[in-house]
Each structure stands twice: as C-alpha cells, then as structure tokens.
Amino acid sequence: MKRNRDRVYVKVNTDFDSTGYMWPRSIVWSDGRIFKIDEIRDFRPADSLEHHRSGDCYTVVIRGEERHLFFEKTSELFASRVGRWFVECPVSK
C-alpha cells in the first residue's frame, strides 16, 4: 500500500560521539523554524527500495510528539557528500 507522503529535505544540526555515532539535535526548516529534538527513541536501517538508496530512520521526540527522521546516504561517487536528511509529510493538494 502506497502512502500519500512527500519527502521534505531539511537541515539537521548533528553531533558525532567518539565512536562515530550520529546524534541529530535539531531540525531546521527552509523557512528558518528550528525544532529541538528532545529524545532519540530508536534507530534502525531504513533502505529505500523505491529510490535505490540506503539510509537510516531515527524515531525522535519533538515537543512531546514522536516523529520519524530519515538520513538518506548518497552514492560513493560523491565523496564529499555523505547524505541528506528528510522527513515525510502528508501530500498537500
């Protein structure tokens, strides 16, 4: 079943710990709004078969609500570009 959702690519302020684990800290929308991530509840691989890309899904809490934040890894052909972040939003009509 196909979901009616669009990917919205966002800027994410991220920290890395000494083991190399990535910790997203806040999401910045294109209009400048910043949403602090209060908690990371889960992390798991989330490959996109539809887009043929590997990635990860973070289950995060923002303002008391659980959301999914995705990190889409880029191709190894682009050495200076590791990946990009997105959230899924309902399709606006």
Protein backbone atom coordinates (compact mmCIF):
# COMPACT_ATOMS: atom_id res chain seq x y z
CA MET A 1 0.00 0.00 0.00
CA LYS A 2 1.49 3.33 -1.05
CA ARG A 3 1.41 6.16 1.45
CA ASN A 4 0.50 9.67 0.34
CA ARG A 5 3.62 11.36 1.67
CA ASP A 6 6.24 13.66 0.25
CA ARG A 7 9.86 13.80 1.29
CA VAL A 8 10.81 17.18 2.67
CA TYR A 9 14.58 17.62 2.83
CA VAL A 10 15.70 19.56 5.89
CA LYS A 11 18.84 20.80 7.58
CA VAL A 12 19.66 18.86 10.76
CA ASN A 13 22.14 20.00 13.37
CA THR A 14 24.01 16.85 14.31
CA ASP A 15 26.69 15.78 16.81
CA PHE A 16 29.01 12.80 16.48
CA ASP A 17 30.27 10.89 19.51
CA SER A 18 33.74 9.36 19.84
CA THR A 19 32.54 6.10 18.28
CA GLY A 20 31.24 7.88 15.18
CA TYR A 21 27.55 7.53 16.10
CA MET A 22 25.45 10.37 14.65
CA TRP A 23 23.12 12.21 17.07
CA PRO A 24 20.59 14.55 15.43
CA ARG A 25 19.94 17.52 17.77
CA SER A 26 17.54 19.83 15.93
CA ILE A 27 15.69 20.18 12.64
CA VAL A 28 15.79 23.45 10.67
CA TRP A 29 13.03 24.02 8.11
CA SER A 30 13.66 26.05 4.95
CA ASP A 31 11.72 28.98 6.45
CA GLY A 32 14.16 29.10 9.40
CA ARG A 33 12.00 27.47 12.08
CA ILE A 34 14.07 25.29 14.43
CA PHE A 35 12.68 22.26 16.27
CA LYS A 36 14.81 20.83 19.07
CA ILE A 37 14.94 17.03 19.26
CA ASP A 38 14.14 16.18 22.88
CA GLU A 39 14.87 12.45 22.67
CA ILE A 40 16.01 9.74 20.27
CA ARG A 41 13.88 6.66 20.96
CA ASP A 42 15.05 4.34 18.22
CA PHE A 43 17.48 4.00 15.36
CA ARG A 44 17.36 1.42 12.57
CA PRO A 45 18.48 0.92 8.99
CA ALA A 46 15.79 2.03 6.54
CA ASP A 47 16.77 1.31 2.97
CA SER A 48 14.62 2.82 0.27
CA LEU A 49 13.85 0.25 -2.37
CA GLU A 50 11.79 2.80 -4.27
CA HIS A 51 14.74 5.23 -4.54
CA HIS A 52 17.52 2.60 -4.51
CA ARG A 53 19.33 4.24 -1.60
CA SER A 54 20.47 3.03 1.78
CA GLY A 55 19.69 5.06 4.85
CA ASP A 56 18.63 5.19 8.46
CA CYS A 57 15.48 6.04 10.37
CA TYR A 58 15.59 7.83 13.71
CA THR A 59 12.48 7.81 15.87
CA VAL A 60 12.68 11.15 17.66
CA VAL A 61 10.55 13.14 20.09
CA ILE A 62 9.88 16.80 19.29
CA ARG A 63 7.59 18.84 21.55
CA GLY A 64 6.25 15.64 23.08
CA GLU A 65 5.35 14.04 19.74
CA GLU A 66 7.08 11.04 18.18
CA ARG A 67 8.30 11.56 14.61
CA HIS A 68 10.49 9.75 12.09
CA LEU A 69 13.60 11.46 10.77
CA PHE A 70 15.42 9.81 7.89
CA PHE A 71 19.04 10.01 6.79
CA GLU A 72 19.49 9.11 3.12
CA LYS A 73 23.05 8.05 2.29
CA THR A 74 24.44 9.26 -1.00
CA SER A 75 26.34 7.30 -3.58
CA GLU A 76 30.00 6.51 -3.01
CA LEU A 77 30.66 8.52 -6.19
CA PHE A 78 30.22 11.73 -4.19
CA ALA A 79 33.00 11.52 -1.60
CA SER A 80 32.40 14.96 -0.07
CA ARG A 81 28.64 14.43 0.27
CA VAL A 82 27.75 11.89 2.94
CA GLY A 83 23.98 12.13 2.76
CA ARG A 84 20.95 14.25 3.49
CA TRP A 85 18.08 14.35 5.97
CA PHE A 86 14.36 14.29 5.26
CA VAL A 87 11.00 13.95 6.95
CA GLU A 88 7.84 12.62 5.39
CA CYS A 89 4.87 14.97 5.28
CA PRO A 90 1.33 14.40 4.03
CA VAL A 91 0.88 15.34 0.38
CA SER A 92 -0.76 18.74 0.09
CA LYS A 93 -3.45 19.06 -2.55
